[in-house]
Amino acid sequence: MYKGIARSLLPVLFFVVFNTQAQQIKPQGQFLSDSIKIGIPIGYSLSVKYPRGMDVVFPDSLYDYSPYELDRKRYFPTQSDSTHSYDSAVYYFTSFEIDSIQQLKLPVFILHGKDSTPVYAEADAVILQQLVTEIPDSVAAEAMPLKENTTYKSVRLQFNYPYFIIGAAILIVLVILFFVLFGGRLKKHYRLKRLKRANDKFIEKYDALVLNDQEPAKDKAEKALVLWKKYLEKLESKPYTQLTTKEIIQLYNPESIADSLKALDRVIYGNLSVNGEMMKQYTALKKYAQERFTAKVEEVKHG
């Protein structure tokens, strides 16, 4: 009898513990400007600090942001210490509403097994900045001071070749000097921008795939592993897609994700049943990819 009571209390205790942890998490969300213009993107910052062992994800492009329209988003790598992790992102929204005060609050999702619990940040508001305060009356053509007759007079145009040659020479010299002085910085800036764009695209696709509960377990594991390999192959110029899990572990020694790679292989090739532990493996692969991305950024900055 006591065993039956204990079993019945386990879900309740799990819910209480999880709910207590969720209440300790307080996402911070705020607009990056005090005012908004119709049709002009505005930034919205979302950040959260949470216990290191917890799985937390941010809203992606599939989330309903009504009445706002998502223009783009920018993720930042996870920062962790011995007890906590910190995630942040900046969303850029466009609004076509005409309300004088507009509000927004976004959640973060705490993952537990196949379910997730949203925890919302406090609502933040912005003021709509009106660009047109009064519509002027139209002016009748009869009231305008127009001339009734004008005679076109052809004027011969002359091209000033000496000034053109001097100007072109100065422009060429300036362009050469610019590339000599700033070419290296521009190249670094372009590479960093490409790295950031590729990383954002990877995170968006990866999160959408992992959080799709309609996807069969085997297909999800296979697609997630292929997506992860392609991203790292492009990031580090190493043939990840041509290597098996065993070869990746032998060549690159990724100790933090060796067990996760093996777990995905068991789902793909062993047709094993999937439990809540798989989300932990997906998160480990994502975290490893973000660590490699951060290392690559530092390499480019100081290269």
Protein backbone atom coordinates (compact mmCIF):
# COMPACT_ATOMS: atom_id res chain seq x y z
CA MET A 1 0.00 0.00 0.00
CA TYR A 2 2.82 2.40 0.90
CA LYS A 3 4.57 1.65 -2.39
CA GLY A 4 1.39 2.55 -4.29
CA ILE A 5 1.08 5.82 -2.41
CA ALA A 6 4.74 6.61 -3.12
CA ARG A 7 4.27 5.96 -6.83
CA SER A 8 1.21 8.20 -6.96
CA LEU A 9 3.09 10.98 -5.18
CA LEU A 10 6.13 10.90 -7.49
CA PRO A 11 4.46 12.89 -10.35
CA VAL A 12 3.18 15.41 -7.82
CA LEU A 13 6.64 15.82 -6.28
CA PHE A 14 8.19 16.18 -9.76
CA PHE A 15 5.66 18.85 -10.67
CA VAL A 16 6.26 20.75 -7.42
CA VAL A 17 10.06 20.64 -7.83
CA PHE A 18 9.91 21.63 -11.49
CA ASN A 19 7.39 24.39 -10.83
CA THR A 20 9.60 25.74 -8.02
CA GLN A 21 12.59 25.87 -10.39
CA ALA A 22 10.50 27.56 -13.07
CA GLN A 23 9.37 30.23 -10.60
CA GLN A 24 13.02 30.99 -9.82
CA ILE A 25 13.66 31.84 -13.47
CA LYS A 26 12.83 35.43 -14.35
CA PRO A 27 13.35 36.30 -18.04
CA GLN A 28 14.17 39.93 -18.78
CA GLY A 29 12.55 41.46 -21.87
CA GLN A 30 12.59 45.06 -23.02
CA PHE A 31 12.47 47.20 -26.13
CA LEU A 32 15.73 48.86 -27.15
CA SER A 33 13.97 52.15 -27.88
CA ASP A 34 11.30 54.22 -26.15
CA SER A 35 9.30 54.80 -29.33
CA ILE A 36 8.28 52.88 -32.45
CA LYS A 37 7.42 53.95 -36.00
CA ILE A 38 4.97 52.15 -38.25
CA GLY A 39 6.80 49.79 -40.60
CA ILE A 40 10.25 50.49 -39.05
CA PRO A 41 11.94 47.53 -37.23
CA ILE A 42 12.57 47.96 -33.50
CA GLY A 43 14.85 45.84 -31.33
CA TYR A 44 13.61 43.78 -28.37
CA SER A 45 16.13 42.20 -25.97
CA LEU A 46 15.31 38.89 -24.24
CA SER A 47 17.66 37.30 -21.69
CA VAL A 48 17.44 34.71 -18.92
CA LYS A 49 19.65 33.23 -16.21
CA TYR A 50 18.89 29.65 -15.15
CA PRO A 51 20.48 26.63 -13.39
CA ARG A 52 23.16 25.09 -15.56
CA GLY A 53 21.57 21.63 -15.82
CA MET A 54 18.25 22.97 -17.11
CA ASP A 55 17.28 23.02 -20.82
CA VAL A 56 15.91 26.41 -21.89
CA VAL A 57 15.07 27.56 -25.44
CA PHE A 58 13.94 30.90 -26.86
CA PRO A 59 11.02 31.54 -29.24
CA ASP A 60 11.94 30.94 -32.89
CA SER A 61 10.46 31.99 -36.22
CA LEU A 62 7.49 29.61 -35.72
CA TYR A 63 6.28 31.49 -32.64
CA ASP A 64 3.24 33.77 -33.01
CA TYR A 65 4.42 37.32 -32.27
CA SER A 66 1.10 38.99 -33.20
CA PRO A 67 0.42 41.84 -33.68
CA TYR A 68 4.14 42.27 -34.45
CA GLU A 69 5.93 40.79 -37.44
CA LEU A 70 9.37 39.25 -36.89
CA ASP A 71 11.94 40.93 -39.15
CA ARG A 72 15.05 39.10 -37.94
CA LYS A 73 16.70 37.87 -34.75
CA ARG A 74 20.18 37.69 -33.33
CA TYR A 75 21.30 35.00 -30.88
CA PHE A 76 24.32 35.20 -28.58
CA PRO A 77 26.39 32.21 -27.38
CA THR A 78 25.47 30.70 -24.02
CA GLN A 79 27.63 31.85 -21.11
CA SER A 80 28.00 29.52 -18.13
CA ASP A 81 29.73 29.35 -14.77
CA SER A 82 29.83 26.51 -12.23
CA THR A 83 26.15 26.85 -11.29
CA HIS A 84 24.25 28.92 -13.84
CA SER A 85 23.97 29.59 -17.57
CA TYR A 86 23.00 32.83 -19.31
CA ASP A 87 21.31 33.12 -22.71
CA SER A 88 20.30 36.23 -24.59
CA ALA A 89 18.91 37.25 -27.99
CA VAL A 90 17.74 40.39 -29.77
CA TYR A 91 14.57 40.25 -31.87
CA TYR A 92 13.68 42.91 -34.45
CA PHE A 93 9.96 43.45 -34.91
CA THR A 94 7.88 45.54 -37.30
CA SER A 95 4.49 46.92 -36.28
CA PHE A 96 1.67 48.28 -38.41
CA GLU A 97 -0.66 48.96 -35.48
CA ILE A 98 -1.80 52.54 -34.81
CA ASP A 99 -2.27 52.23 -31.03
CA SER A 100 -0.45 55.06 -29.24
CA ILE A 101 1.02 52.62 -26.68
CA GLN A 102 2.10 49.14 -27.77
CA GLN A 103 3.19 46.31 -25.46
CA LEU A 104 5.05 43.04 -25.82
CA LYS A 105 6.16 40.22 -23.54
CA LEU A 106 7.97 37.08 -24.71
CA PRO A 107 8.49 33.74 -22.95
CA VAL A 108 11.36 31.32 -22.65
CA PHE A 109 10.53 27.61 -22.71
CA ILE A 110 11.79 25.19 -20.05
CA LEU A 111 12.10 21.73 -21.55
CA HIS A 112 11.23 18.61 -19.56
CA GLY A 113 10.96 15.45 -21.59
CA LYS A 114 8.68 16.00 -24.58
CA ASP A 115 6.91 18.90 -22.90
CA SER A 116 7.87 22.49 -22.26
CA THR A 117 6.70 25.19 -19.88
CA PRO A 118 6.67 28.87 -20.94
CA VAL A 119 7.93 31.47 -18.46
CA TYR A 120 7.13 35.03 -19.53
CA ALA A 121 9.11 38.20 -19.02
CA GLU A 122 7.27 41.25 -17.74
CA ALA A 123 5.52 43.28 -20.44
CA ASP A 124 7.38 46.28 -21.87
CA ALA A 125 5.76 49.15 -23.76
CA VAL A 126 6.74 51.68 -26.41
CA ILE A 127 5.07 54.83 -27.67
CA LEU A 128 4.00 55.11 -31.31
CA GLN A 129 5.71 58.04 -32.99
CA GLN A 130 3.30 59.68 -35.45
CA LEU A 131 5.05 60.84 -38.63
CA VAL A 132 1.99 62.60 -40.09
CA THR A 133 0.02 64.66 -37.59
CA GLU A 134 -2.13 66.63 -40.03
CA ILE A 135 -3.07 66.02 -43.65
CA PRO A 136 -2.83 69.26 -45.68
CA ASP A 137 -5.64 70.32 -47.97
CA SER A 138 -5.02 69.97 -51.70
CA VAL A 139 -4.34 73.14 -53.65
CA ALA A 140 -6.30 73.77 -56.82
CA ALA A 141 -4.22 74.12 -59.95
CA GLU A 142 -5.95 77.45 -60.74
CA ALA A 143 -4.63 78.92 -57.49
CA MET A 144 -1.01 78.09 -58.25
CA PRO A 145 1.26 80.77 -59.81
CA LEU A 146 1.86 79.01 -63.12
CA LYS A 147 3.09 80.62 -66.28
CA GLU A 148 0.82 80.15 -69.23
CA ASN A 149 3.58 80.11 -71.86
CA THR A 150 7.19 79.02 -71.72
CA THR A 151 9.65 78.76 -74.58
CA TYR A 152 12.24 76.01 -74.46
CA LYS A 153 15.74 77.17 -75.23
CA SER A 154 18.31 74.59 -76.10
CA VAL A 155 21.60 74.99 -74.22
CA ARG A 156 24.69 73.26 -75.48
CA LEU A 157 26.31 71.12 -72.83
CA GLN A 158 30.08 70.86 -72.56
CA PHE A 159 31.88 68.09 -70.75
CA ASN A 160 34.81 69.20 -68.60
CA TYR A 161 37.34 66.47 -69.35
CA PRO A 162 40.29 67.90 -67.33
CA TYR A 163 38.21 67.99 -64.12
CA PHE A 164 36.85 64.51 -64.83
CA ILE A 165 40.36 63.07 -65.26
CA ILE A 166 41.63 64.79 -62.11
CA GLY A 167 38.60 63.64 -60.11
CA ALA A 168 38.91 60.05 -61.36
CA ALA A 169 42.63 59.97 -60.48
CA ILE A 170 41.94 61.28 -56.96
CA LEU A 171 39.15 58.73 -56.49
CA ILE A 172 41.42 55.86 -57.59
CA VAL A 173 44.16 56.98 -55.19
CA LEU A 174 41.67 57.25 -52.33
CA VAL A 175 40.27 53.79 -53.05
CA ILE A 176 43.77 52.28 -53.09
CA LEU A 177 44.68 54.01 -49.82
CA PHE A 178 41.43 52.89 -48.25
CA PHE A 179 42.06 49.22 -49.07
CA VAL A 180 45.70 49.47 -47.97
CA LEU A 181 44.71 50.95 -44.61
CA PHE A 182 41.43 49.16 -43.91
CA GLY A 183 41.42 46.13 -46.23
CA GLY A 184 42.37 43.72 -43.44
CA ARG A 185 39.66 45.03 -41.12
CA LEU A 186 37.06 44.86 -43.87
CA LYS A 187 38.00 41.27 -44.63
CA LYS A 188 37.71 40.33 -40.95
CA HIS A 189 34.40 42.14 -40.65
CA TYR A 190 33.02 40.33 -43.69
CA ARG A 191 34.18 36.92 -42.40
CA LEU A 192 32.70 37.54 -38.95
CA LYS A 193 29.43 38.63 -40.52
CA ARG A 194 29.29 35.46 -42.62
CA LEU A 195 30.07 33.31 -39.58
CA LYS A 196 27.32 35.00 -37.56
CA ARG A 197 24.76 34.64 -40.36
CA ALA A 198 25.57 30.93 -40.81
CA ASN A 199 25.38 30.35 -37.05
CA ASP A 200 21.98 32.05 -36.75
CA LYS A 201 20.65 29.99 -39.66
CA PHE A 202 21.95 26.77 -38.09
CA ILE A 203 20.39 27.53 -34.68
CA GLU A 204 17.04 28.40 -36.27
CA LYS A 205 16.88 25.17 -38.30
CA TYR A 206 18.27 23.00 -35.50
CA ASP A 207 15.83 24.27 -32.85
CA ALA A 208 12.87 23.95 -35.19
CA LEU A 209 13.81 20.34 -35.97
CA VAL A 210 14.55 19.29 -32.38
CA LEU A 211 11.36 20.84 -30.99
CA ASN A 212 9.14 19.27 -33.67
CA ASP A 213 7.30 16.53 -31.77
CA GLN A 214 5.60 15.33 -34.98
CA GLU A 215 8.90 14.16 -36.45
CA PRO A 216 9.59 10.40 -36.01
CA ALA A 217 12.42 9.76 -33.54
CA LYS A 218 14.70 8.05 -36.04
CA ASP A 219 14.18 10.70 -38.74
CA LYS A 220 14.70 13.52 -36.22
CA ALA A 221 17.95 12.03 -34.95
CA GLU A 222 19.27 11.46 -38.48
CA LYS A 223 18.34 14.95 -39.73
CA ALA A 224 19.73 16.65 -36.61
CA LEU A 225 23.05 14.79 -36.94
CA VAL A 226 23.36 15.63 -40.66
CA LEU A 227 22.54 19.31 -40.01
CA TRP A 228 25.10 19.43 -37.18
CA LYS A 229 27.81 17.79 -39.33
CA LYS A 230 27.22 20.13 -42.29
CA TYR A 231 27.45 23.20 -40.06
CA LEU A 232 30.72 22.11 -38.41
CA GLU A 233 32.16 21.07 -41.78
CA LYS A 234 31.56 24.55 -43.18
CA LEU A 235 32.69 26.25 -39.95
CA GLU A 236 35.98 24.38 -39.51
CA SER A 237 36.66 23.13 -43.07
CA LYS A 238 36.81 19.53 -41.84
CA PRO A 239 35.05 16.58 -43.55
CA TYR A 240 32.48 15.87 -40.82
CA THR A 241 29.83 14.66 -43.29
CA GLN A 242 32.19 12.01 -44.65
CA LEU A 243 33.04 10.58 -41.24
CA THR A 244 31.22 8.13 -38.98
CA THR A 245 30.70 8.80 -35.29
CA LYS A 246 33.62 6.53 -34.44
CA GLU A 247 35.91 8.36 -36.88
CA ILE A 248 34.87 11.78 -35.54
CA ILE A 249 35.68 10.69 -31.98
CA GLN A 250 39.04 9.23 -33.03
CA LEU A 251 40.13 12.20 -35.18
CA TYR A 252 38.82 15.20 -33.23
CA ASN A 253 38.35 13.76 -29.72
CA PRO A 254 35.15 15.70 -28.82
CA GLU A 255 34.96 14.30 -25.26
CA SER A 256 31.96 16.41 -24.24
CA ILE A 257 29.70 14.94 -26.94
CA ALA A 258 31.07 11.45 -27.53
CA ASP A 259 28.23 9.85 -25.59
CA SER A 260 25.66 12.07 -27.31
CA LEU A 261 26.89 11.05 -30.77
CA LYS A 262 26.71 7.39 -29.78
CA ALA A 263 23.19 7.87 -28.41
CA LEU A 264 22.00 9.33 -31.74
CA ASP A 265 23.60 6.42 -33.59
CA ARG A 266 21.68 3.96 -31.42
CA VAL A 267 18.41 5.70 -32.32
CA ILE A 268 19.25 5.86 -36.05
CA TYR A 269 20.69 2.39 -36.57
CA GLY A 270 19.30 0.47 -33.61
CA ASN A 271 15.67 1.64 -33.79
CA LEU A 272 15.72 2.09 -30.03
CA SER A 273 12.84 3.77 -28.22
CA VAL A 274 13.35 7.42 -27.36
CA ASN A 275 12.94 8.90 -23.91
CA GLY A 276 13.49 12.29 -22.37
CA GLU A 277 17.26 11.83 -22.43
CA MET A 278 17.38 12.53 -26.18
CA MET A 279 16.72 16.24 -25.67
CA LYS A 280 19.83 16.29 -23.48
CA GLN A 281 21.86 14.82 -26.35
CA TYR A 282 20.50 17.35 -28.85
CA THR A 283 21.34 20.18 -26.45
CA ALA A 284 24.88 18.85 -25.99
CA LEU A 285 25.48 18.85 -29.76
CA LYS A 286 24.14 22.40 -30.04
CA LYS A 287 26.32 23.58 -27.16
CA TYR A 288 29.40 21.99 -28.75
CA ALA A 289 28.63 23.73 -32.06
CA GLN A 290 28.33 27.08 -30.25
CA GLU A 291 31.68 26.51 -28.52
CA ARG A 292 33.34 25.83 -31.88
CA PHE A 293 31.65 28.94 -33.31
CA THR A 294 32.99 31.10 -30.46
CA ALA A 295 36.48 29.68 -30.92
CA LYS A 296 36.33 30.38 -34.67
CA VAL A 297 35.23 33.98 -34.05
CA GLU A 298 38.17 34.55 -31.71
CA GLU A 299 40.52 32.99 -34.28
CA VAL A 300 39.31 35.38 -36.98
CA LYS A 301 39.48 38.41 -34.67
CA HIS A 302 43.06 37.74 -33.64
CA GLY A 303 44.24 36.12 -36.86
